[in-house]
Amino acid sequence: MNDFHAKGDTKFFFEPKTIDIMLAMILALGTEISALSDKLDTVIDLLDTKSVASPTDVENFTPSPEQQARRDAARKVLVETLLAPFQHEADALAEAAAAKD
């Protein structure tokens, strides 16, 4: 386990390999959330147009361009949310590197 740092510094509780494993788990869960969101969106769209949604209807559904755009936008928000801590850290590292120059 990593040593604790001085008061006010970030504390790390996991080794780098464990963090990679956790990241893979989080991204896998994000993928499943995205797939379930698409399926739920399909059921909602079918219920809105047909008032019924059979498993076959759900499996054979092709979203319209507008529906696909809505799904793509939701997926983008999900990915940005999942990766925001990493983006924040990358931005901080870039700022620190720029400050050294």
PDB file of N, CA and C in Angstrom:
ATOM      1  N   MET A   1       0.837  -1.174   0.000  1.00  0.00           N
ATOM      2  CA  MET A   1       0.000   0.000   0.000  1.00  0.00           C
ATOM      3  C   MET A   1       0.889   1.246   0.000  1.00  0.00           C
ATOM      4  N   ASN A   2       0.420   2.296  -0.649  1.00  0.00           N
ATOM      5  CA  ASN A   2       1.195   3.540  -0.698  1.00  0.00           C
ATOM      6  C   ASN A   2       1.228   4.203   0.669  1.00  0.00           C
ATOM      7  N   ASP A   3       2.311   4.930   0.941  1.00  0.00           N
ATOM      8  CA  ASP A   3       2.421   5.676   2.186  1.00  0.00           C
ATOM      9  C   ASP A   3       1.483   6.868   2.145  1.00  0.00           C
ATOM     10  N   PHE A   4       1.032   7.275   3.315  1.00  0.00           N
ATOM     11  CA  PHE A   4       0.229   8.481   3.390  1.00  0.00           C
ATOM     12  C   PHE A   4       1.145   9.683   3.233  1.00  0.00           C
ATOM     13  N   HIS A   5       0.602  10.749   2.701  1.00  0.00           N
ATOM     14  CA  HIS A   5       1.365  11.966   2.476  1.00  0.00           C
ATOM     15  C   HIS A   5       1.077  12.971   3.578  1.00  0.00           C
ATOM     16  N   ALA A   6       1.765  14.079   3.528  1.00  0.00           N
ATOM     17  CA  ALA A   6       1.564  15.146   4.512  1.00  0.00           C
ATOM     18  C   ALA A   6       0.112  15.608   4.487  1.00  0.00           C
ATOM     19  N   LYS A   7      -0.307  16.164   5.609  1.00  0.00           N
ATOM     20  CA  LYS A   7      -1.679  16.648   5.730  1.00  0.00           C
ATOM     21  C   LYS A   7      -2.008  17.595   4.574  1.00  0.00           C
ATOM     22  N   GLY A   8      -3.181  17.375   3.975  1.00  0.00           N
ATOM     23  CA  GLY A   8      -3.606  18.204   2.852  1.00  0.00           C
ATOM     24  C   GLY A   8      -3.302  17.578   1.503  1.00  0.00           C
ATOM     25  N   ASP A   9      -2.356  16.651   1.460  1.00  0.00           N
ATOM     26  CA  ASP A   9      -2.058  15.967   0.209  1.00  0.00           C
ATOM     27  C   ASP A   9      -3.090  14.866  -0.026  1.00  0.00           C
ATOM     28  N   THR A  10      -3.218  14.458  -1.278  1.00  0.00           N
ATOM     29  CA  THR A  10      -4.099  13.361  -1.624  1.00  0.00           C
ATOM     30  C   THR A  10      -3.578  12.072  -1.001  1.00  0.00           C
ATOM     31  N   LYS A  11      -4.475  11.277  -0.472  1.00  0.00           N
ATOM     32  CA  LYS A  11      -4.105   9.983   0.092  1.00  0.00           C
ATOM     33  C   LYS A  11      -4.466   8.905  -0.923  1.00  0.00           C
ATOM     34  N   PHE A  12      -3.552   7.984  -1.139  1.00  0.00           N
ATOM     35  CA  PHE A  12      -3.784   6.900  -2.071  1.00  0.00           C
ATOM     36  C   PHE A  12      -3.903   5.603  -1.293  1.00  0.00           C
ATOM     37  N   PHE A  13      -4.944   4.840  -1.579  1.00  0.00           N
ATOM     38  CA  PHE A  13      -5.201   3.614  -0.843  1.00  0.00           C
ATOM     39  C   PHE A  13      -4.942   2.357  -1.676  1.00  0.00           C
ATOM     40  N   PHE A  14      -4.751   2.506  -2.983  1.00  0.00           N
ATOM     41  CA  PHE A  14      -4.609   1.354  -3.858  1.00  0.00           C
ATOM     42  C   PHE A  14      -3.310   1.434  -4.644  1.00  0.00           C
ATOM     43  N   GLU A  15      -2.777   0.285  -4.964  1.00  0.00           N
ATOM     44  CA  GLU A  15      -1.605   0.215  -5.834  1.00  0.00           C
ATOM     45  C   GLU A  15      -2.043   0.503  -7.265  1.00  0.00           C
ATOM     46  N   PRO A  16      -1.118   0.931  -8.130  1.00  0.00           N
ATOM     47  CA  PRO A  16      -1.485   1.258  -9.515  1.00  0.00           C
ATOM     48  C   PRO A  16      -2.203   0.123 -10.254  1.00  0.00           C
ATOM     49  N   LYS A  17      -1.793  -1.127 -10.057  1.00  0.00           N
ATOM     50  CA  LYS A  17      -2.453  -2.240 -10.751  1.00  0.00           C
ATOM     51  C   LYS A  17      -3.921  -2.338 -10.336  1.00  0.00           C
ATOM     52  N   THR A  18      -4.194  -2.154  -9.054  1.00  0.00           N
ATOM     53  CA  THR A  18      -5.569  -2.213  -8.560  1.00  0.00           C
ATOM     54  C   THR A  18      -6.394  -1.088  -9.165  1.00  0.00           C
ATOM     55  N   ILE A  19      -5.808   0.056  -9.323  1.00  0.00           N
ATOM     56  CA  ILE A  19      -6.521   1.183  -9.925  1.00  0.00           C
ATOM     57  C   ILE A  19      -6.879   0.866 -11.373  1.00  0.00           C
ATOM     58  N   ASP A  20      -5.969   0.251 -12.101  1.00  0.00           N
ATOM     59  CA  ASP A  20      -6.259  -0.146 -13.482  1.00  0.00           C
ATOM     60  C   ASP A  20      -7.411  -1.142 -13.535  1.00  0.00           C
ATOM     61  N   ILE A  21      -7.413  -2.086 -12.606  1.00  0.00           N
ATOM     62  CA  ILE A  21      -8.491  -3.075 -12.553  1.00  0.00           C
ATOM     63  C   ILE A  21      -9.819  -2.386 -12.245  1.00  0.00           C
ATOM     64  N   MET A  22      -9.804  -1.458 -11.291  1.00  0.00           N
ATOM     65  CA  MET A  22     -11.025  -0.733 -10.945  1.00  0.00           C
ATOM     66  C   MET A  22     -11.511   0.120 -12.113  1.00  0.00           C
ATOM     67  N   LEU A  23     -10.588   0.737 -12.833  1.00  0.00           N
ATOM     68  CA  LEU A  23     -10.971   1.525 -14.002  1.00  0.00           C
ATOM     69  C   LEU A  23     -11.634   0.632 -15.036  1.00  0.00           C
ATOM     70  N   ALA A  24     -11.074  -0.539 -15.280  1.00  0.00           N
ATOM     71  CA  ALA A  24     -11.673  -1.472 -16.240  1.00  0.00           C
ATOM     72  C   ALA A  24     -13.077  -1.872 -15.797  1.00  0.00           C
ATOM     73  N   MET A  25     -13.255  -2.095 -14.507  1.00  0.00           N
ATOM     74  CA  MET A  25     -14.582  -2.441 -13.985  1.00  0.00           C
ATOM     75  C   MET A  25     -15.570  -1.295 -14.190  1.00  0.00           C
ATOM     76  N   ILE A  26     -15.129  -0.087 -13.895  1.00  0.00           N
ATOM     77  CA  ILE A  26     -16.004   1.081 -14.039  1.00  0.00           C
ATOM     78  C   ILE A  26     -16.395   1.282 -15.498  1.00  0.00           C
ATOM     79  N   LEU A  27     -15.438   1.134 -16.397  1.00  0.00           N
ATOM     80  CA  LEU A  27     -15.749   1.304 -17.818  1.00  0.00           C
ATOM     81  C   LEU A  27     -16.667   0.194 -18.324  1.00  0.00           C
ATOM     82  N   ALA A  28     -16.486  -1.034 -17.827  1.00  0.00           N
ATOM     83  CA  ALA A  28     -17.392  -2.126 -18.199  1.00  0.00           C
ATOM     84  C   ALA A  28     -18.810  -1.830 -17.709  1.00  0.00           C
ATOM     85  N   LEU A  29     -18.924  -1.332 -16.483  1.00  0.00           N
ATOM     86  CA  LEU A  29     -20.241  -0.950 -15.961  1.00  0.00           C
ATOM     87  C   LEU A  29     -20.841   0.198 -16.779  1.00  0.00           C
ATOM     88  N   GLY A  30     -20.014   1.146 -17.176  1.00  0.00           N
ATOM     89  CA  GLY A  30     -20.493   2.240 -18.023  1.00  0.00           C
ATOM     90  C   GLY A  30     -21.029   1.739 -19.353  1.00  0.00           C
ATOM     91  N   THR A  31     -20.353   0.736 -19.922  1.00  0.00           N
ATOM     92  CA  THR A  31     -20.810   0.132 -21.181  1.00  0.00           C
ATOM     93  C   THR A  31     -22.180  -0.512 -20.989  1.00  0.00           C
ATOM     94  N   GLU A  32     -22.341  -1.226 -19.876  1.00  0.00           N
ATOM     95  CA  GLU A  32     -23.628  -1.862 -19.599  1.00  0.00           C
ATOM     96  C   GLU A  32     -24.720  -0.820 -19.364  1.00  0.00           C
ATOM     97  N   ILE A  33     -24.388   0.247 -18.660  1.00  0.00           N
ATOM     98  CA  ILE A  33     -25.363   1.323 -18.441  1.00  0.00           C
ATOM     99  C   ILE A  33     -25.798   1.915 -19.775  1.00  0.00           C
ATOM    100  N   SER A  34     -24.857   2.121 -20.672  1.00  0.00           N
ATOM    101  CA  SER A  34     -25.172   2.670 -21.985  1.00  0.00           C
ATOM    102  C   SER A  34     -26.098   1.742 -22.770  1.00  0.00           C
ATOM    103  N   ALA A  35     -25.779   0.443 -22.756  1.00  0.00           N
ATOM    104  CA  ALA A  35     -26.616  -0.529 -23.467  1.00  0.00           C
ATOM    105  C   ALA A  35     -28.024  -0.579 -22.875  1.00  0.00           C
ATOM    106  N   LEU A  36     -28.115  -0.573 -21.541  1.00  0.00           N
ATOM    107  CA  LEU A  36     -29.430  -0.584 -20.900  1.00  0.00           C
ATOM    108  C   LEU A  36     -30.199   0.701 -21.179  1.00  0.00           C
ATOM    109  N   SER A  37     -29.506   1.821 -21.224  1.00  0.00           N
ATOM    110  CA  SER A  37     -30.164   3.092 -21.548  1.00  0.00           C
ATOM    111  C   SER A  37     -30.740   3.055 -22.964  1.00  0.00           C
ATOM    112  N   ASP A  38     -29.965   2.508 -23.901  1.00  0.00           N
ATOM    113  CA  ASP A  38     -30.464   2.382 -25.273  1.00  0.00           C
ATOM    114  C   ASP A  38     -31.698   1.480 -25.326  1.00  0.00           C
ATOM    115  N   LYS A  39     -31.650   0.369 -24.602  1.00  0.00           N
ATOM    116  CA  LYS A  39     -32.780  -0.563 -24.611  1.00  0.00           C
ATOM    117  C   LYS A  39     -34.009   0.079 -23.976  1.00  0.00           C
ATOM    118  N   LEU A  40     -33.819   0.791 -22.870  1.00  0.00           N
ATOM    119  CA  LEU A  40     -34.941   1.476 -22.230  1.00  0.00           C
ATOM    120  C   LEU A  40     -35.503   2.552 -23.162  1.00  0.00           C
ATOM    121  N   ASP A  41     -34.629   3.272 -23.831  1.00  0.00           N
ATOM    122  CA  ASP A  41     -35.068   4.288 -24.789  1.00  0.00           C
ATOM    123  C   ASP A  41     -35.889   3.645 -25.906  1.00  0.00           C
ATOM    124  N   THR A  42     -35.468   2.471 -26.353  1.00  0.00           N
ATOM    125  CA  THR A  42     -36.212   1.739 -27.382  1.00  0.00           C
ATOM    126  C   THR A  42     -37.601   1.378 -26.882  1.00  0.00           C
ATOM    127  N   VAL A  43     -37.684   0.840 -25.671  1.00  0.00           N
ATOM    128  CA  VAL A  43     -38.985   0.458 -25.103  1.00  0.00           C
ATOM    129  C   VAL A  43     -39.882   1.687 -24.984  1.00  0.00           C
ATOM    130  N   ILE A  44     -39.338   2.789 -24.516  1.00  0.00           N
ATOM    131  CA  ILE A  44     -40.128   4.018 -24.396  1.00  0.00           C
ATOM    132  C   ILE A  44     -40.623   4.476 -25.758  1.00  0.00           C
ATOM    133  N   ASP A  45     -39.735   4.457 -26.768  1.00  0.00           N
ATOM    134  CA  ASP A  45     -40.147   4.870 -28.110  1.00  0.00           C
ATOM    135  C   ASP A  45     -41.222   3.946 -28.673  1.00  0.00           C
ATOM    136  N   LEU A  46     -41.076   2.639 -28.459  1.00  0.00           N
ATOM    137  CA  LEU A  46     -42.091   1.694 -28.944  1.00  0.00           C
ATOM    138  C   LEU A  46     -43.418   1.897 -28.232  1.00  0.00           C
ATOM    139  N   LEU A  47     -43.368   2.093 -26.932  1.00  0.00           N
ATOM    140  CA  LEU A  47     -44.609   2.319 -26.183  1.00  0.00           C
ATOM    141  C   LEU A  47     -45.277   3.613 -26.611  1.00  0.00           C
ATOM    142  N   ASP A  48     -44.474   4.598 -26.951  1.00  0.00           N
ATOM    143  CA  ASP A  48     -45.012   5.883 -27.394  1.00  0.00           C
ATOM    144  C   ASP A  48     -45.721   5.757 -28.737  1.00  0.00           C
ATOM    145  N   THR A  49     -45.203   4.907 -29.624  1.00  0.00           N
ATOM    146  CA  THR A  49     -45.786   4.793 -30.966  1.00  0.00           C
ATOM    147  C   THR A  49     -46.770   3.638 -31.100  1.00  0.00           C
ATOM    148  N   LYS A  50     -46.516   2.511 -30.404  1.00  0.00           N
ATOM    149  CA  LYS A  50     -47.350   1.319 -30.581  1.00  0.00           C
ATOM    150  C   LYS A  50     -48.163   0.945 -29.350  1.00  0.00           C
ATOM    151  N   SER A  51     -47.877   1.540 -28.222  1.00  0.00           N
ATOM    152  CA  SER A  51     -48.504   1.216 -26.935  1.00  0.00           C
ATOM    153  C   SER A  51     -48.212  -0.207 -26.475  1.00  0.00           C
ATOM    154  N   VAL A  52     -47.253  -0.862 -27.134  1.00  0.00           N
ATOM    155  CA  VAL A  52     -46.838  -2.201 -26.734  1.00  0.00           C
ATOM    156  C   VAL A  52     -45.399  -2.394 -27.200  1.00  0.00           C
ATOM    157  N   ALA A  53     -44.651  -3.208 -26.465  1.00  0.00           N
ATOM    158  CA  ALA A  53     -43.270  -3.462 -26.861  1.00  0.00           C
ATOM    159  C   ALA A  53     -42.939  -4.919 -26.569  1.00  0.00           C
ATOM    160  N   SER A  54     -42.923  -5.729 -27.600  1.00  0.00           N
ATOM    161  CA  SER A  54     -42.554  -7.139 -27.422  1.00  0.00           C
ATOM    162  C   SER A  54     -41.035  -7.261 -27.486  1.00  0.00           C
ATOM    163  N   PRO A  55     -40.484  -8.348 -26.968  1.00  0.00           N
ATOM    164  CA  PRO A  55     -39.040  -8.550 -27.074  1.00  0.00           C
ATOM    165  C   PRO A  55     -38.544  -8.506 -28.523  1.00  0.00           C
ATOM    166  N   THR A  56     -39.331  -9.032 -29.440  1.00  0.00           N
ATOM    167  CA  THR A  56     -38.957  -9.001 -30.861  1.00  0.00           C
ATOM    168  C   THR A  56     -38.934  -7.571 -31.376  1.00  0.00           C
ATOM    169  N   ASP A  57     -39.926  -6.780 -30.980  1.00  0.00           N
ATOM    170  CA  ASP A  57     -39.962  -5.370 -31.383  1.00  0.00           C
ATOM    171  C   ASP A  57     -38.711  -4.639 -30.889  1.00  0.00           C
ATOM    172  N   VAL A  58     -38.337  -4.912 -29.654  1.00  0.00           N
ATOM    173  CA  VAL A  58     -37.168  -4.250 -29.071  1.00  0.00           C
ATOM    174  C   VAL A  58     -35.903  -4.661 -29.824  1.00  0.00           C
ATOM    175  N   GLU A  59     -35.741  -5.947 -30.090  1.00  0.00           N
ATOM    176  CA  GLU A  59     -34.541  -6.432 -30.778  1.00  0.00           C
ATOM    177  C   GLU A  59     -34.455  -5.933 -32.219  1.00  0.00           C
ATOM    178  N   ASN A  60     -35.593  -5.753 -32.886  1.00  0.00           N
ATOM    179  CA  ASN A  60     -35.602  -5.340 -34.295  1.00  0.00           C
ATOM    180  C   ASN A  60     -35.714  -3.835 -34.500  1.00  0.00           C
ATOM    181  N   PHE A  61     -35.770  -3.083 -33.415  1.00  0.00           N
ATOM    182  CA  PHE A  61     -35.953  -1.631 -33.505  1.00  0.00           C
ATOM    183  C   PHE A  61     -34.712  -0.953 -34.067  1.00  0.00           C
ATOM    184  N   THR A  62     -34.932  -0.052 -35.001  1.00  0.00           N
ATOM    185  CA  THR A  62     -33.860   0.791 -35.532  1.00  0.00           C
ATOM    186  C   THR A  62     -34.225   2.236 -35.225  1.00  0.00           C
ATOM    187  N   PRO A  63     -33.389   2.919 -34.448  1.00  0.00           N
ATOM    188  CA  PRO A  63     -33.726   4.297 -34.083  1.00  0.00           C
ATOM    189  C   PRO A  63     -33.670   5.227 -35.294  1.00  0.00           C
ATOM    190  N   SER A  64     -34.519   6.232 -35.260  1.00  0.00           N
ATOM    191  CA  SER A  64     -34.481   7.271 -36.286  1.00  0.00           C
ATOM    192  C   SER A  64     -33.211   8.094 -36.083  1.00  0.00           C
ATOM    193  N   PRO A  65     -32.848   8.902 -37.065  1.00  0.00           N
ATOM    194  CA  PRO A  65     -31.670   9.758 -36.869  1.00  0.00           C
ATOM    195  C   PRO A  65     -31.785  10.653 -35.632  1.00  0.00           C
ATOM    196  N   GLU A  66     -32.983  11.164 -35.354  1.00  0.00           N
ATOM    197  CA  GLU A  66     -33.180  12.005 -34.179  1.00  0.00           C
ATOM    198  C   GLU A  66     -33.010  11.200 -32.894  1.00  0.00           C
ATOM    199  N   GLN A  67     -33.577   9.994 -32.876  1.00  0.00           N
ATOM    200  CA  GLN A  67     -33.429   9.141 -31.706  1.00  0.00           C
ATOM    201  C   GLN A  67     -31.962   8.766 -31.495  1.00  0.00           C
ATOM    202  N   GLN A  68     -31.269   8.448 -32.587  1.00  0.00           N
ATOM    203  CA  GLN A  68     -29.855   8.081 -32.477  1.00  0.00           C
ATOM    204  C   GLN A  68     -29.026   9.262 -31.983  1.00  0.00           C
ATOM    205  N   ALA A  69     -29.352  10.461 -32.453  1.00  0.00           N
ATOM    206  CA  ALA A  69     -28.637  11.659 -31.997  1.00  0.00           C
ATOM    207  C   ALA A  69     -28.849  11.861 -30.496  1.00  0.00           C
ATOM    208  N   ARG A  70     -30.071  11.634 -30.025  1.00  0.00           N
ATOM    209  CA  ARG A  70     -30.367  11.759 -28.593  1.00  0.00           C
ATOM    210  C   ARG A  70     -29.560  10.734 -27.792  1.00  0.00           C
ATOM    211  N   ARG A  71     -29.494   9.506 -28.302  1.00  0.00           N
ATOM    212  CA  ARG A  71     -28.724   8.453 -27.638  1.00  0.00           C
ATOM    213  C   ARG A  71     -27.233   8.769 -27.638  1.00  0.00           C
ATOM    214  N   ASP A  72     -26.747   9.250 -28.763  1.00  0.00           N
ATOM    215  CA  ASP A  72     -25.324   9.599 -28.861  1.00  0.00           C
ATOM    216  C   ASP A  72     -24.962  10.710 -27.871  1.00  0.00           C
ATOM    217  N   ALA A  73     -25.853  11.687 -27.731  1.00  0.00           N
ATOM    218  CA  ALA A  73     -25.610  12.786 -26.793  1.00  0.00           C
ATOM    219  C   ALA A  73     -25.591  12.263 -25.349  1.00  0.00           C
ATOM    220  N   ALA A  74     -26.513  11.368 -25.026  1.00  0.00           N
ATOM    221  CA  ALA A  74     -26.550  10.791 -23.675  1.00  0.00           C
ATOM    222  C   ALA A  74     -25.298   9.957 -23.420  1.00  0.00           C
ATOM    223  N   ARG A  75     -24.856   9.211 -24.414  1.00  0.00           N
ATOM    224  CA  ARG A  75     -23.643   8.390 -24.271  1.00  0.00           C
ATOM    225  C   ARG A  75     -22.417   9.275 -24.063  1.00  0.00           C
ATOM    226  N   LYS A  76     -22.365  10.388 -24.791  1.00  0.00           N
ATOM    227  CA  LYS A  76     -21.243  11.317 -24.647  1.00  0.00           C
ATOM    228  C   LYS A  76     -21.186  11.870 -23.220  1.00  0.00           C
ATOM    229  N   VAL A  77     -22.332  12.228 -22.670  1.00  0.00           N
ATOM    230  CA  VAL A  77     -22.383  12.740 -21.300  1.00  0.00           C
ATOM    231  C   VAL A  77     -21.924  11.655 -20.321  1.00  0.00           C
ATOM    232  N   LEU A  78     -22.366  10.410 -20.536  1.00  0.00           N
ATOM    233  CA  LEU A  78     -21.963   9.311 -19.661  1.00  0.00           C
ATOM    234  C   LEU A  78     -20.448   9.114 -19.693  1.00  0.00           C
ATOM    235  N   VAL A  79     -19.876   9.089 -20.885  1.00  0.00           N
ATOM    236  CA  VAL A  79     -18.425   8.893 -21.017  1.00  0.00           C
ATOM    237  C   VAL A  79     -17.672  10.055 -20.375  1.00  0.00           C
ATOM    238  N   GLU A  80     -18.122  11.272 -20.632  1.00  0.00           N
ATOM    239  CA  GLU A  80     -17.462  12.431 -20.035  1.00  0.00           C
ATOM    240  C   GLU A  80     -17.542  12.388 -18.510  1.00  0.00           C
ATOM    241  N   THR A  81     -18.677  11.950 -17.971  1.00  0.00           N
ATOM    242  CA  THR A  81     -18.845  11.849 -16.527  1.00  0.00           C
ATOM    243  C   THR A  81     -17.919  10.783 -15.951  1.00  0.00           C
ATOM    244  N   LEU A  82     -17.851   9.621 -16.603  1.00  0.00           N
ATOM    245  CA  LEU A  82     -16.989   8.544 -16.120  1.00  0.00           C
ATOM    246  C   LEU A  82     -15.513   8.924 -16.161  1.00  0.00           C
ATOM    247  N   LEU A  83     -15.133   9.660 -17.179  1.00  0.00           N
ATOM    248  CA  LEU A  83     -13.717   9.997 -17.362  1.00  0.00           C
ATOM    249  C   LEU A  83     -13.334  11.359 -16.800  1.00  0.00           C
ATOM    250  N   ALA A  84     -14.284  12.099 -16.238  1.00  0.00           N
ATOM    251  CA  ALA A  84     -14.008  13.445 -15.728  1.00  0.00           C
ATOM    252  C   ALA A  84     -12.861  13.481 -14.716  1.00  0.00           C
ATOM    253  N   PRO A  85     -12.797  12.548 -13.769  1.00  0.00           N
ATOM    254  CA  PRO A  85     -11.661  12.611 -12.826  1.00  0.00           C
ATOM    255  C   PRO A  85     -10.312  12.457 -13.529  1.00  0.00           C
ATOM    256  N   PHE A  86     -10.258  11.638 -14.555  1.00  0.00           N
ATOM    257  CA  PHE A  86      -9.009  11.448 -15.287  1.00  0.00           C
ATOM    258  C   PHE A  86      -8.678  12.678 -16.127  1.00  0.00           C
ATOM    259  N   GLN A  87      -9.706  13.284 -16.710  1.00  0.00           N
ATOM    260  CA  GLN A  87      -9.499  14.503 -17.486  1.00  0.00           C
ATOM    261  C   GLN A  87      -9.009  15.613 -16.573  1.00  0.00           C
ATOM    262  N   HIS A  88      -9.608  15.713 -15.396  1.00  0.00           N
ATOM    263  CA  HIS A  88      -9.187  16.735 -14.420  1.00  0.00           C
ATOM    264  C   HIS A  88      -7.719  16.532 -14.055  1.00  0.00           C
ATOM    265  N   GLU A  89      -7.333  15.298 -13.802  1.00  0.00           N
ATOM    266  CA  GLU A  89      -5.941  15.005 -13.436  1.00  0.00           C
ATOM    267  C   GLU A  89      -5.001  15.300 -14.601  1.00  0.00           C
ATOM    268  N   ALA A  90      -5.408  14.936 -15.820  1.00  0.00           N
ATOM    269  CA  ALA A  90      -4.579  15.214 -16.999  1.00  0.00           C
ATOM    270  C   ALA A  90      -4.411  16.716 -17.193  1.00  0.00           C
ATOM    271  N   ASP A  91      -5.485  17.471 -16.991  1.00  0.00           N
ATOM    272  CA  ASP A  91      -5.403  18.933 -17.109  1.00  0.00           C
ATOM    273  C   ASP A  91      -4.457  19.515 -16.063  1.00  0.00           C
ATOM    274  N   ALA A  92      -4.537  18.999 -14.833  1.00  0.00           N
ATOM    275  CA  ALA A  92      -3.669  19.483 -13.759  1.00  0.00           C
ATOM    276  C   ALA A  92      -2.207  19.174 -14.070  1.00  0.00           C
ATOM    277  N   LEU A  93      -1.946  17.970 -14.593  1.00  0.00           N
ATOM    278  CA  LEU A  93      -0.567  17.618 -14.960  1.00  0.00           C
ATOM    279  C   LEU A  93      -0.055  18.498 -16.093  1.00  0.00           C
ATOM    280  N   ALA A  94      -0.916  18.793 -17.076  1.00  0.00           N
ATOM    281  CA  ALA A  94      -0.519  19.657 -18.186  1.00  0.00           C
ATOM    282  C   ALA A  94      -0.218  21.074 -17.688  1.00  0.00           C
ATOM    283  N   GLU A  95      -1.043  21.580 -16.769  1.00  0.00           N
ATOM    284  CA  GLU A  95      -0.822  22.907 -16.204  1.00  0.00           C
ATOM    285  C   GLU A  95       0.490  22.949 -15.415  1.00  0.00           C
ATOM    286  N   ALA A  96       0.743  21.882 -14.657  1.00  0.00           N
ATOM    287  CA  ALA A  96       1.985  21.823 -13.876  1.00  0.00           C
ATOM    288  C   ALA A  96       3.191  21.766 -14.797  1.00  0.00           C
ATOM    289  N   ALA A  97       3.117  21.038 -15.879  1.00  0.00           N
ATOM    290  CA  ALA A  97       4.211  20.943 -16.835  1.00  0.00           C
ATOM    291  C   ALA A  97       4.432  22.276 -17.524  1.00  0.00           C
ATOM    292  N   ALA A  98       3.338  22.967 -17.869  1.00  0.00           N
ATOM    293  CA  ALA A  98       3.447  24.272 -18.523  1.00  0.00           C
ATOM    294  C   ALA A  98       4.051  25.302 -17.567  1.00  0.00           C
ATOM    295  N   ALA A  99       3.721  25.197 -16.309  1.00  0.00           N
ATOM    296  CA  ALA A  99       4.239  26.143 -15.305  1.00  0.00           C
ATOM    297  C   ALA A  99       5.749  25.974 -15.112  1.00  0.00           C
ATOM    298  N   LYS A 100       6.252  24.780 -15.321  1.00  0.00           N
ATOM    299  CA  LYS A 100       7.682  24.516 -15.170  1.00  0.00           C
ATOM    300  C   LYS A 100       8.493  25.126 -16.319  1.00  0.00           C
ATOM    301  N   ASP A 101       7.844  25.258 -17.478  1.00  0.00           N
ATOM    302  CA  ASP A 101       8.554  25.788 -18.656  1.00  0.00           C
ATOM    303  C   ASP A 101       8.725  27.274 -18.638  1.00  0.00           C
TER     304      ASP A 101
END
